[in-house]
Structure formats: C-alpha cells, structure tokens
C-alpha cells in the first residue's frame, strides 16, 4: 500500500511539473509568434491579439486539468481500492 502511495506522489509531481513546463513553453511560443507577426504587420496586431489570448487560455487549460487530475489522485486515490 505504501508503494502505491509513493508511486502516486511521484506521478503527481511529474504530471504537474511536465504540464507546467509544457504550458510555459507553449505560451512563450505563442507570445513570440504574436510579437513577430505584430512587428511585421503592425496593422494586424488588433486582429491577432484576441487569438493570442484564446490560444494562451487553451494552453493553460491543459495545466489546470493536470492539476485537477493530480489533486484527484492525491485526495481519493482509486488505485488503493484495487489492492485492498
């Protein structure tokens, strides 16, 4: 039982950590491309900005989902019921 709990804690840490790194890289790439596009065509910056916020929100949603799944496994681990 302790083995399952320890592996669950490691999995939660990896899941949240990798999702955080992925979200940070994703938002950074989207922001960089937005700035590149706005620098090339400044008149299109107003049209690109809502798309930037939409995509950044969707990328961040992946991280929030990973945190939610991690909290689910941290509080009510269904794997413990399988070994009892």
C-alpha atoms as a PDB file:
ATOM      1  CA  UNK A   1       0.000   0.000   0.000  1.00  0.00           C
ATOM      2  CA  UNK A   2       2.835   2.395   0.804  1.00  0.00           C
ATOM      3  CA  UNK A   3       4.417   1.516  -2.518  1.00  0.00           C
ATOM      4  CA  UNK A   4       1.300   2.587  -4.427  1.00  0.00           C
ATOM      5  CA  UNK A   5       1.113   5.834  -2.465  1.00  0.00           C
ATOM      6  CA  UNK A   6       4.765   6.676  -3.066  1.00  0.00           C
ATOM      7  CA  UNK A   7       4.492   5.980  -6.799  1.00  0.00           C
ATOM      8  CA  UNK A   8       1.318   8.074  -6.907  1.00  0.00           C
ATOM      9  CA  UNK A   9       3.113  11.028  -5.333  1.00  0.00           C
ATOM     10  CA  UNK A  10       5.934  10.714  -7.866  1.00  0.00           C
ATOM     11  CA  UNK A  11       3.421  10.508 -10.719  1.00  0.00           C
ATOM     12  CA  UNK A  12       1.541  13.573  -9.466  1.00  0.00           C
ATOM     13  CA  UNK A  13       4.763  15.553  -9.257  1.00  0.00           C
ATOM     14  CA  UNK A  14       5.816  14.545 -12.743  1.00  0.00           C
ATOM     15  CA  UNK A  15       2.373  15.202 -14.174  1.00  0.00           C
ATOM     16  CA  UNK A  16       2.047  18.693 -12.719  1.00  0.00           C
ATOM     17  CA  UNK A  17       5.688  19.561 -13.379  1.00  0.00           C
ATOM     18  CA  UNK A  18       5.666  18.484 -17.015  1.00  0.00           C
ATOM     19  CA  UNK A  19       2.303  20.141 -17.630  1.00  0.00           C
ATOM     20  CA  UNK A  20       3.631  23.368 -16.124  1.00  0.00           C
ATOM     21  CA  UNK A  21       6.764  23.298 -18.250  1.00  0.00           C
ATOM     22  CA  UNK A  22       4.737  22.471 -21.358  1.00  0.00           C
ATOM     23  CA  UNK A  23       2.262  25.263 -20.696  1.00  0.00           C
ATOM     24  CA  UNK A  24       5.072  27.754 -20.101  1.00  0.00           C
ATOM     25  CA  UNK A  25       6.809  26.786 -23.339  1.00  0.00           C
ATOM     26  CA  UNK A  26       3.515  26.866 -25.233  1.00  0.00           C
ATOM     27  CA  UNK A  27       2.540  30.324 -24.013  1.00  0.00           C
ATOM     28  CA  UNK A  28       6.063  31.592 -24.690  1.00  0.00           C
ATOM     29  CA  UNK A  29       5.959  30.312 -28.271  1.00  0.00           C
ATOM     30  CA  UNK A  30       2.510  31.783 -28.877  1.00  0.00           C
ATOM     31  CA  UNK A  31       3.606  35.126 -27.440  1.00  0.00           C
ATOM     32  CA  UNK A  32       6.775  35.137 -29.527  1.00  0.00           C
ATOM     33  CA  UNK A  33       4.848  34.433 -32.723  1.00  0.00           C
ATOM     34  CA  UNK A  34       2.344  37.150 -31.848  1.00  0.00           C
ATOM     35  CA  UNK A  35       5.118  39.695 -31.370  1.00  0.00           C
ATOM     36  CA  UNK A  36       6.774  38.562 -34.590  1.00  0.00           C
ATOM     37  CA  UNK A  37       3.531  38.921 -36.523  1.00  0.00           C
ATOM     38  CA  UNK A  38       2.733  42.289 -34.956  1.00  0.00           C
ATOM     39  CA  UNK A  39       6.230  43.554 -35.758  1.00  0.00           C
ATOM     40  CA  UNK A  40       5.931  42.524 -39.398  1.00  0.00           C
ATOM     41  CA  UNK A  41       2.418  43.907 -39.873  1.00  0.00           C
ATOM     42  CA  UNK A  42       1.506  46.357 -37.104  1.00  0.00           C
ATOM     43  CA  UNK A  43      -1.964  46.930 -38.555  1.00  0.00           C
ATOM     44  CA  UNK A  44      -2.892  43.298 -37.911  1.00  0.00           C
ATOM     45  CA  UNK A  45      -1.959  43.396 -34.195  1.00  0.00           C
ATOM     46  CA  UNK A  46      -5.529  44.226 -33.187  1.00  0.00           C
ATOM     47  CA  UNK A  47      -6.823  41.174 -35.074  1.00  0.00           C
ATOM     48  CA  UNK A  48      -4.137  38.871 -33.691  1.00  0.00           C
ATOM     49  CA  UNK A  49      -4.478  39.835 -30.020  1.00  0.00           C
ATOM     50  CA  UNK A  50      -7.814  38.046 -29.308  1.00  0.00           C
ATOM     51  CA  UNK A  51      -6.439  34.925 -30.950  1.00  0.00           C
ATOM     52  CA  UNK A  52      -3.360  35.147 -28.732  1.00  0.00           C
ATOM     53  CA  UNK A  53      -5.452  35.253 -25.573  1.00  0.00           C
ATOM     54  CA  UNK A  54      -7.703  32.409 -26.766  1.00  0.00           C
ATOM     55  CA  UNK A  55      -4.803  30.098 -27.533  1.00  0.00           C
ATOM     56  CA  UNK A  56      -2.959  31.059 -24.336  1.00  0.00           C
ATOM     57  CA  UNK A  57      -6.097  30.240 -22.351  1.00  0.00           C
ATOM     58  CA  UNK A  58      -6.456  26.860 -24.048  1.00  0.00           C
ATOM     59  CA  UNK A  59      -2.809  26.030 -23.399  1.00  0.00           C
ATOM     60  CA  UNK A  60      -3.190  26.997 -19.745  1.00  0.00           C
ATOM     61  CA  UNK A  61      -6.325  24.858 -19.509  1.00  0.00           C
ATOM     62  CA  UNK A  62      -4.160  21.789 -20.075  1.00  0.00           C
ATOM     63  CA  UNK A  63      -2.141  22.687 -16.977  1.00  0.00           C
ATOM     64  CA  UNK A  64      -5.275  23.280 -14.905  1.00  0.00           C
ATOM     65  CA  UNK A  65      -6.667  19.892 -15.966  1.00  0.00           C
ATOM     66  CA  UNK A  66      -3.390  18.229 -14.949  1.00  0.00           C
ATOM     67  CA  UNK A  67      -3.565  19.920 -11.547  1.00  0.00           C
ATOM     68  CA  UNK A  68      -7.162  18.736 -11.151  1.00  0.00           C
ATOM     69  CA  UNK A  69      -6.285  15.147 -12.005  1.00  0.00           C
ATOM     70  CA  UNK A  70      -3.303  15.346  -9.670  1.00  0.00           C
ATOM     71  CA  UNK A  71      -5.494  16.575  -6.828  1.00  0.00           C
ATOM     72  CA  UNK A  72      -7.977  13.782  -7.563  1.00  0.00           C
ATOM     73  CA  UNK A  73      -5.257  11.179  -7.182  1.00  0.00           C
ATOM     74  CA  UNK A  74      -3.815  12.937  -4.128  1.00  0.00           C
ATOM     75  CA  UNK A  75      -7.104  13.047  -2.211  1.00  0.00           C
ATOM     76  CA  UNK A  76      -9.028   9.977  -3.344  1.00  0.00           C
ATOM     77  CA  UNK A  77      -6.660   7.520  -4.931  1.00  0.00           C
ATOM     78  CA  UNK A  78      -8.669   4.872  -6.835  1.00  0.00           C
ATOM     79  CA  UNK A  79      -5.559   2.711  -7.135  1.00  0.00           C
ATOM     80  CA  UNK A  80      -5.642   1.962  -3.409  1.00  0.00           C
ATOM     81  CA  UNK A  81      -9.078   0.357  -3.746  1.00  0.00           C
ATOM     82  CA  UNK A  82      -7.707  -2.028  -6.353  1.00  0.00           C
ATOM     83  CA  UNK A  83      -5.175  -3.571  -3.965  1.00  0.00           C
ATOM     84  CA  UNK A  84      -7.485  -3.964  -0.959  1.00  0.00           C
END
